[in-house]
């Protein structure tokens, strides 16, 4: 075998194996166990495999911590990190992978989970190739994160000290291994409670304060002022969205047509490559809600109360083209015949938090297509190319 060859048959079998294990976001115990077993089977010592306690700090129920593997280097050099996420979106629950030519597709009406079992397959194949071919490499840390799909939580709460402070990172997530993703947007999520006042909508409507109307007026103002969807203002760009419009406990906002709605819960997000502009978008929503609350009152002039909370989801980042991790990624890509081109994307990645933790991290794809839909599929050729690129990144 040449230095950068891989066992393609085993790599594909490995991917099919991981795709068949359910593990939606927050419920990663089964897939983590399967991955740990696969790592031991390819020669990784059990002592090198551990779980951190991120799940104890993640503010949502999470079955397990991040899975972390530490491979001792056979040559000296700064430690390198390879990362991917274990979880899939809920639409992938019950997925049964089927190979059709150069593609892997779901058998039924589910998503496939190629996002991000392709990355899981790449990292385990990397470990197998290094150990079985005895390839020289510096110290490596493999990180399999949890709850990426529901907010990048695993990467957010990982302790860089547990990773042993790698000098550079390579995250696997996406379609094309030729794309060296060097930057991504930042995002904030917000939640709004609108507390109105109930009254009989037929007999005494003037005694009520409609939370539904406050929400409607506010969202109309947001739309009219250009703060919804794709946003471009004064040379700045971003996006926003309202994800849910409902009531308490996942119920509808309001329960009867003859009662003025007294409570509405809105959830939304704002994104931009400019952290200040993200805050401007969020402020536009808050201001619109405050304005709308002033317009909807009862007969005594009382208005609705607004409880508006927001939190940082992840920070934007942009690595310079001359950053060592970027130069290394482009050189490794060229070594296996890939054109290698840098890109900036508008979605969040584990790399957002890894960079925030002080680990310069690029991201490359591994054959994912039509993710988060029932049309999802994996391109096997791209997946195998990503496996080869990972070996090049680890050994060059």
Protein backbone atom coordinates (compact mmCIF):
# COMPACT_ATOMS: atom_id res chain seq x y z
CA UNK A 1 0.00 0.00 0.00
CA UNK A 2 1.11 3.57 -0.66
CA UNK A 3 1.45 5.96 2.25
CA UNK A 4 -1.96 7.55 1.66
CA UNK A 5 -3.95 4.48 0.63
CA UNK A 6 -6.88 3.30 2.71
CA UNK A 7 -8.87 0.10 2.89
CA UNK A 8 -11.91 1.35 0.97
CA UNK A 9 -14.01 -1.77 1.57
CA UNK A 10 -13.56 -1.53 5.33
CA UNK A 11 -14.17 2.24 5.28
CA UNK A 12 -17.52 1.77 3.52
CA UNK A 13 -18.55 -1.13 5.78
CA UNK A 14 -17.68 1.04 8.76
CA UNK A 15 -19.88 3.89 7.48
CA UNK A 16 -22.82 1.54 6.86
CA UNK A 17 -22.38 0.18 10.39
CA UNK A 18 -22.50 3.65 11.95
CA UNK A 19 -25.42 4.82 9.81
CA UNK A 20 -27.48 1.90 11.11
CA UNK A 21 -27.14 2.97 14.76
CA UNK A 22 -29.72 5.48 15.95
CA UNK A 23 -28.39 8.47 17.84
CA UNK A 24 -30.40 11.65 17.51
CA UNK A 25 -29.18 14.77 19.22
CA UNK A 26 -28.97 14.32 22.98
CA UNK A 27 -29.30 10.52 22.68
CA UNK A 28 -25.80 9.55 21.59
CA UNK A 29 -25.00 6.73 24.05
CA UNK A 30 -25.60 3.88 21.57
CA UNK A 31 -23.54 5.37 18.75
CA UNK A 32 -20.76 6.40 21.15
CA UNK A 33 -20.59 2.80 22.42
CA UNK A 34 -20.48 1.49 18.85
CA UNK A 35 -17.70 3.89 17.88
CA UNK A 36 -15.65 3.02 20.97
CA UNK A 37 -16.01 -0.67 20.11
CA UNK A 38 -14.96 -0.04 16.49
CA UNK A 39 -11.90 1.89 17.68
CA UNK A 40 -10.83 -0.98 19.92
CA UNK A 41 -11.34 -3.41 17.04
CA UNK A 42 -8.86 -1.49 14.84
CA UNK A 43 -6.24 -1.47 17.57
CA UNK A 44 -6.85 1.62 19.68
CA UNK A 45 -6.03 0.74 23.31
CA UNK A 46 -9.03 0.94 25.65
CA UNK A 47 -6.93 3.20 27.89
CA UNK A 48 -6.79 5.79 25.09
CA UNK A 49 -10.60 6.08 24.88
CA UNK A 50 -12.50 8.24 27.35
CA UNK A 51 -15.66 10.30 27.86
CA UNK A 52 -15.64 13.82 29.26
CA UNK A 53 -18.31 15.31 31.53
CA UNK A 54 -19.70 17.88 29.06
CA UNK A 55 -23.14 16.28 29.39
CA UNK A 56 -23.24 17.38 33.04
CA UNK A 57 -22.79 20.99 31.99
CA UNK A 58 -24.93 21.03 28.85
CA UNK A 59 -28.25 22.68 29.83
CA UNK A 60 -30.33 20.04 28.03
CA UNK A 61 -30.69 16.33 28.89
CA UNK A 62 -27.75 14.55 27.26
CA UNK A 63 -27.01 10.85 27.66
CA UNK A 64 -23.24 10.96 27.46
CA UNK A 65 -20.26 13.24 27.30
CA UNK A 66 -18.02 13.77 24.31
CA UNK A 67 -16.05 10.72 23.19
CA UNK A 68 -12.32 11.52 23.15
CA UNK A 69 -9.43 9.40 21.85
CA UNK A 70 -5.76 10.21 22.40
CA UNK A 71 -3.21 8.63 20.09
CA UNK A 72 0.42 8.88 21.12
CA UNK A 73 2.65 10.29 18.41
CA UNK A 74 5.25 8.18 16.66
CA UNK A 75 7.15 11.36 15.72
CA UNK A 76 7.56 14.59 17.64
CA UNK A 77 5.45 17.61 16.83
CA UNK A 78 2.53 19.69 18.11
CA UNK A 79 -0.67 17.76 18.81
CA UNK A 80 -3.37 17.83 16.10
CA UNK A 81 -7.12 17.55 16.65
CA UNK A 82 -9.59 15.71 14.43
CA UNK A 83 -13.24 16.29 15.28
CA UNK A 84 -16.74 15.38 14.17
CA UNK A 85 -20.15 15.03 15.81
CA UNK A 86 -21.95 11.84 16.82
CA UNK A 87 -25.55 13.05 16.73
CA UNK A 88 -28.05 13.25 13.90
CA UNK A 89 -31.23 15.29 13.48
CA UNK A 90 -34.44 13.65 14.78
CA UNK A 91 -35.60 13.03 11.19
CA UNK A 92 -32.87 10.37 10.94
CA UNK A 93 -34.39 8.25 13.73
CA UNK A 94 -34.90 4.69 12.52
CA UNK A 95 -32.82 5.17 9.37
CA UNK A 96 -31.82 2.02 7.49
CA UNK A 97 -28.90 2.67 5.10
CA UNK A 98 -28.95 1.05 1.65
CA UNK A 99 -26.19 1.20 -0.94
CA UNK A 100 -27.22 2.09 -4.48
CA UNK A 101 -24.21 2.31 -6.77
CA UNK A 102 -22.00 5.16 -5.62
CA UNK A 103 -24.56 6.39 -3.12
CA UNK A 104 -25.89 5.39 0.28
CA UNK A 105 -29.55 6.31 0.76
CA UNK A 106 -32.20 5.74 3.44
CA UNK A 107 -34.48 2.77 2.86
CA UNK A 108 -37.58 4.50 4.22
CA UNK A 109 -38.97 8.00 4.63
CA UNK A 110 -36.32 9.21 7.04
CA UNK A 111 -33.19 11.26 6.78
CA UNK A 112 -30.04 9.14 6.49
CA UNK A 113 -27.77 10.55 9.19
CA UNK A 114 -24.83 11.06 6.86
CA UNK A 115 -24.63 14.31 8.79
CA UNK A 116 -22.50 13.36 10.53
CA UNK A 117 -21.85 9.63 10.45
CA UNK A 118 -19.62 10.32 7.45
CA UNK A 119 -17.35 12.25 9.81
CA UNK A 120 -17.47 9.44 12.36
CA UNK A 121 -16.48 6.97 9.65
CA UNK A 122 -13.59 9.20 8.54
CA UNK A 123 -12.13 9.49 12.04
CA UNK A 124 -12.32 5.77 12.79
CA UNK A 125 -10.84 4.99 9.36
CA UNK A 126 -8.05 7.45 10.13
CA UNK A 127 -7.21 5.61 13.35
CA UNK A 128 -7.39 2.23 11.59
CA UNK A 129 -5.10 3.35 8.76
CA UNK A 130 -2.48 4.89 11.04
CA UNK A 131 -2.32 1.84 13.29
CA UNK A 132 -2.57 -0.90 10.68
CA UNK A 133 -0.08 0.69 8.28
CA UNK A 134 2.14 1.98 11.10
CA UNK A 135 2.28 5.45 9.57
CA UNK A 136 4.36 8.12 11.33
CA UNK A 137 2.30 10.89 12.93
CA UNK A 138 2.53 13.44 15.76
CA UNK A 139 0.27 13.14 18.84
CA UNK A 140 -3.41 13.19 17.82
CA UNK A 141 -6.69 13.76 19.62
CA UNK A 142 -9.94 12.51 18.08
CA UNK A 143 -13.06 14.29 19.34
CA UNK A 144 -16.59 12.96 18.76
CA UNK A 145 -18.98 15.62 20.05
CA UNK A 146 -22.56 15.36 21.29
CA UNK A 147 -25.54 17.66 20.71
CA UNK A 148 -24.06 19.47 17.71
CA UNK A 149 -27.39 19.54 15.91
CA UNK A 150 -29.21 21.19 18.81
CA UNK A 151 -26.73 24.00 19.41
CA UNK A 152 -23.06 22.91 19.13
CA UNK A 153 -23.20 22.04 22.82
CA UNK A 154 -20.58 19.30 22.88
CA UNK A 155 -17.94 21.54 21.32
CA UNK A 156 -19.06 24.46 23.46
CA UNK A 157 -18.60 22.61 26.74
CA UNK A 158 -15.50 20.53 25.93
CA UNK A 159 -12.48 21.38 28.07
CA UNK A 160 -9.45 22.23 25.87
CA UNK A 161 -7.21 20.87 28.63
CA UNK A 162 -8.79 17.43 28.23
CA UNK A 163 -7.96 17.64 24.53
CA UNK A 164 -4.38 18.50 25.59
CA UNK A 165 -4.41 21.87 23.79
CA UNK A 166 -3.92 20.88 20.14
CA UNK A 167 -2.06 23.37 17.95
CA UNK A 168 -4.53 22.97 15.08
CA UNK A 169 -7.79 21.23 14.34
CA UNK A 170 -9.55 19.53 11.43
CA UNK A 171 -13.32 19.16 11.67
CA UNK A 172 -15.20 16.79 9.35
CA UNK A 173 -18.68 17.99 8.42
CA UNK A 174 -20.15 18.73 4.98
CA UNK A 175 -20.06 17.55 1.40
CA UNK A 176 -16.87 18.39 -0.48
CA UNK A 177 -13.42 17.49 0.91
CA UNK A 178 -11.93 20.02 -1.52
CA UNK A 179 -13.57 22.86 0.41
CA UNK A 180 -11.37 24.13 3.21
CA UNK A 181 -13.87 26.01 5.36
CA UNK A 182 -12.01 28.78 7.17
CA UNK A 183 -14.91 30.79 8.58
CA UNK A 184 -18.54 30.66 9.62
CA UNK A 185 -21.26 32.94 10.90
CA UNK A 186 -22.04 33.63 14.53
CA UNK A 187 -25.56 33.31 15.92
CA UNK A 188 -27.78 34.26 18.82
CA UNK A 189 -31.05 32.57 19.75
CA UNK A 190 -33.83 34.44 21.45
CA UNK A 191 -37.03 33.58 23.29
CA UNK A 192 -39.94 35.96 23.82
CA UNK A 193 -42.82 35.59 26.23
CA UNK A 194 -45.75 37.92 25.60
CA UNK A 195 -48.08 38.08 28.58
CA UNK A 196 -51.43 39.65 27.77
CA UNK A 197 -54.79 39.39 29.56
CA UNK A 198 -57.65 37.02 28.88
CA UNK A 199 -61.25 38.15 28.56
CA UNK A 200 -64.43 37.01 26.79
CA UNK A 201 -63.80 37.88 23.14
CA UNK A 202 -67.50 38.28 22.39
CA UNK A 203 -68.89 39.96 25.51
CA UNK A 204 -65.92 41.99 26.80
CA UNK A 205 -63.10 42.09 24.20
CA UNK A 206 -62.08 45.55 25.35
CA UNK A 207 -61.08 44.11 28.73
CA UNK A 208 -58.51 41.81 27.19
CA UNK A 209 -54.96 42.31 25.92
CA UNK A 210 -54.24 40.06 22.97
CA UNK A 211 -50.76 38.54 23.08
CA UNK A 212 -51.39 37.19 19.58
CA UNK A 213 -51.98 40.68 18.21
CA UNK A 214 -48.83 42.00 19.91
CA UNK A 215 -46.80 39.24 18.25
CA UNK A 216 -48.44 39.82 14.87
CA UNK A 217 -47.81 43.56 14.92
CA UNK A 218 -44.21 43.09 16.03
CA UNK A 219 -43.41 40.55 13.35
CA UNK A 220 -45.06 42.73 10.71
CA UNK A 221 -42.84 45.63 11.78
CA UNK A 222 -39.75 43.44 11.66
CA UNK A 223 -40.64 42.36 8.13
CA UNK A 224 -41.49 45.87 6.92
CA UNK A 225 -38.22 47.27 8.25
CA UNK A 226 -36.13 44.61 6.54
CA UNK A 227 -35.01 42.64 9.59
CA UNK A 228 -36.52 39.26 8.64
CA UNK A 229 -34.95 36.58 6.43
CA UNK A 230 -31.98 37.77 4.40
CA UNK A 231 -30.85 41.12 5.79
CA UNK A 232 -28.62 43.69 4.10
CA UNK A 233 -28.22 47.09 5.73
CA UNK A 234 -25.45 49.68 5.40
CA UNK A 235 -22.94 47.20 4.04
CA UNK A 236 -23.72 44.61 6.69
CA UNK A 237 -25.40 41.27 6.08
CA UNK A 238 -27.12 38.62 8.13
CA UNK A 239 -30.25 36.51 8.51
CA UNK A 240 -33.04 36.04 11.02
CA UNK A 241 -35.94 33.70 11.53
CA UNK A 242 -38.83 32.95 13.86
CA UNK A 243 -38.72 29.24 14.53
CA UNK A 244 -41.86 28.73 16.63
CA UNK A 245 -45.00 30.67 17.48
CA UNK A 246 -47.00 28.95 20.18
CA UNK A 247 -48.14 28.79 23.77
CA UNK A 248 -47.12 27.09 26.98
CA UNK A 249 -45.81 23.55 26.94
CA UNK A 250 -45.78 23.27 23.17
CA UNK A 251 -49.50 23.94 22.89
CA UNK A 252 -51.17 26.42 20.56
CA UNK A 253 -51.15 30.11 21.38
CA UNK A 254 -54.67 30.48 22.69
CA UNK A 255 -57.20 27.73 23.26
CA UNK A 256 -60.58 29.09 22.13
CA UNK A 257 -61.89 31.63 19.62
CA UNK A 258 -64.04 33.30 22.26
CA UNK A 259 -61.13 34.05 24.60
CA UNK A 260 -58.62 36.85 24.06
CA UNK A 261 -55.22 35.14 23.96
CA UNK A 262 -53.22 35.94 27.07
CA UNK A 263 -49.91 34.22 26.27
CA UNK A 264 -47.62 33.72 23.28
CA UNK A 265 -44.13 32.21 23.15
CA UNK A 266 -41.84 33.03 20.22
CA UNK A 267 -38.42 31.55 19.51
CA UNK A 268 -36.02 32.81 16.89
CA UNK A 269 -32.44 33.29 15.80
CA UNK A 270 -30.14 35.85 14.19
CA UNK A 271 -26.93 35.17 12.26
CA UNK A 272 -24.12 37.23 10.79
CA UNK A 273 -20.37 37.17 10.23
CA UNK A 274 -20.31 40.44 12.21
CA UNK A 275 -20.95 39.90 15.94
CA UNK A 276 -22.18 43.48 16.36
CA UNK A 277 -24.68 43.09 13.53
CA UNK A 278 -26.09 39.93 15.17
CA UNK A 279 -26.88 42.04 18.21
CA UNK A 280 -28.44 44.73 15.99
CA UNK A 281 -30.79 42.14 14.49
CA UNK A 282 -31.82 40.84 17.91
CA UNK A 283 -32.37 44.42 19.10
CA UNK A 284 -34.65 45.08 16.12
CA UNK A 285 -36.93 42.24 17.27
CA UNK A 286 -36.92 43.46 20.86
CA UNK A 287 -37.70 47.04 19.83
CA UNK A 288 -40.55 45.89 17.56
CA UNK A 289 -42.10 43.85 20.36
CA UNK A 290 -41.88 46.77 22.77
CA UNK A 291 -43.50 49.04 20.20
CA UNK A 292 -46.27 46.52 19.51
CA UNK A 293 -47.01 46.14 23.22
CA UNK A 294 -47.63 49.90 23.39
CA UNK A 295 -50.27 49.61 20.65
CA UNK A 296 -52.37 46.79 22.13
CA UNK A 297 -54.04 47.80 25.40
CA UNK A 298 -57.18 47.15 27.35
CA UNK A 299 -59.84 49.80 28.05
CA UNK A 300 -57.79 51.11 30.98
CA UNK A 301 -54.63 51.53 28.92
CA UNK A 302 -52.81 48.57 30.39
CA UNK A 303 -50.50 46.81 27.96
CA UNK A 304 -48.87 43.40 27.57
CA UNK A 305 -45.63 42.51 29.31
CA UNK A 306 -42.66 41.36 27.23
CA UNK A 307 -40.03 38.96 28.58
CA UNK A 308 -37.20 38.87 26.06
CA UNK A 309 -34.12 36.69 26.58
CA UNK A 310 -31.28 35.90 24.21
CA UNK A 311 -28.09 33.86 24.37
CA UNK A 312 -24.99 33.45 22.26
CA UNK A 313 -25.24 30.27 20.22
CA UNK A 314 -21.76 30.53 18.74
CA UNK A 315 -19.29 33.23 17.74
CA UNK A 316 -18.35 34.02 14.15
CA UNK A 317 -14.79 33.29 13.07
CA UNK A 318 -12.56 33.74 10.04
CA UNK A 319 -9.08 32.23 9.84
CA UNK A 320 -6.50 34.04 7.76
CA UNK A 321 -5.32 32.37 4.58
CA UNK A 322 -1.75 32.33 5.89
CA UNK A 323 -2.71 30.67 9.19
CA UNK A 324 -0.62 27.49 9.69
CA UNK A 325 -3.73 25.27 9.85
CA UNK A 326 -5.01 26.66 6.55
CA UNK A 327 -1.65 26.28 4.83
CA UNK A 328 -1.35 22.74 6.15
CA UNK A 329 -4.85 21.82 4.95
CA UNK A 330 -4.25 23.19 1.45
CA UNK A 331 -0.90 21.41 1.21
CA UNK A 332 -2.41 18.10 2.35
CA UNK A 333 -5.27 18.47 -0.15
CA UNK A 334 -2.81 19.11 -2.98
CA UNK A 335 -0.81 16.03 -1.96
CA UNK A 336 -3.74 13.76 -2.83
CA UNK A 337 -4.73 15.66 -5.96
CA UNK A 338 -7.49 17.89 -4.60
CA UNK A 339 -7.70 21.50 -5.79
CA UNK A 340 -8.27 22.81 -2.27
CA UNK A 341 -10.14 26.10 -2.01
CA UNK A 342 -11.02 28.17 1.03
CA UNK A 343 -14.63 28.99 1.83
CA UNK A 344 -16.69 30.82 4.41
CA UNK A 345 -20.15 29.43 5.23
CA UNK A 346 -23.38 30.73 6.73
CA UNK A 347 -24.04 27.81 9.06
CA UNK A 348 -22.66 27.02 12.49
CA UNK A 349 -19.99 24.35 12.96
CA UNK A 350 -18.22 22.73 15.88
CA UNK A 351 -15.25 24.70 14.57
CA UNK A 352 -16.93 27.91 15.79
CA UNK A 353 -16.43 26.81 19.38
CA UNK A 354 -13.11 25.06 18.84
CA UNK A 355 -11.67 28.30 17.48
CA UNK A 356 -13.21 30.11 20.46
CA UNK A 357 -11.35 27.63 22.70
CA UNK A 358 -8.07 28.65 21.07
CA UNK A 359 -7.73 25.76 18.59
CA UNK A 360 -7.50 27.10 14.99
CA UNK A 361 -9.78 24.69 13.14
CA UNK A 362 -10.75 24.23 9.51
CA UNK A 363 -13.63 22.04 8.31
CA UNK A 364 -13.84 19.76 5.28
CA UNK A 365 -16.66 17.63 3.90
CA UNK A 366 -17.11 13.89 3.49
CA UNK A 367 -19.90 13.33 0.98
CA UNK A 368 -23.04 14.57 2.73
CA UNK A 369 -25.92 15.68 0.48
CA UNK A 370 -29.47 17.00 1.10
CA UNK A 371 -28.92 16.83 4.86
CA UNK A 372 -31.86 17.10 7.26
CA UNK A 373 -34.28 15.85 4.57
CA UNK A 374 -35.73 12.49 3.49
CA UNK A 375 -33.81 12.96 0.22
CA UNK A 376 -30.45 12.73 2.05
CA UNK A 377 -27.68 10.59 0.57
CA UNK A 378 -23.92 10.07 0.85
CA UNK A 379 -21.58 10.12 -2.15
CA UNK A 380 -19.21 7.25 -1.47
CA UNK A 381 -16.37 8.59 -3.64
CA UNK A 382 -16.31 11.86 -1.69
CA UNK A 383 -16.43 9.99 1.60
CA UNK A 384 -13.42 7.89 0.63
CA UNK A 385 -11.58 11.00 -0.54
CA UNK A 386 -12.22 12.57 2.87
CA UNK A 387 -10.74 9.47 4.53
CA UNK A 388 -7.59 9.88 2.44
CA UNK A 389 -7.43 13.59 3.21
CA UNK A 390 -7.63 12.89 6.94
CA UNK A 391 -4.65 10.54 6.65
CA UNK A 392 -2.72 13.20 4.72
CA UNK A 393 -3.54 15.82 7.35
CA UNK A 394 -2.39 13.51 10.14
CA UNK A 395 0.83 12.33 8.55
CA UNK A 396 2.18 15.13 6.35
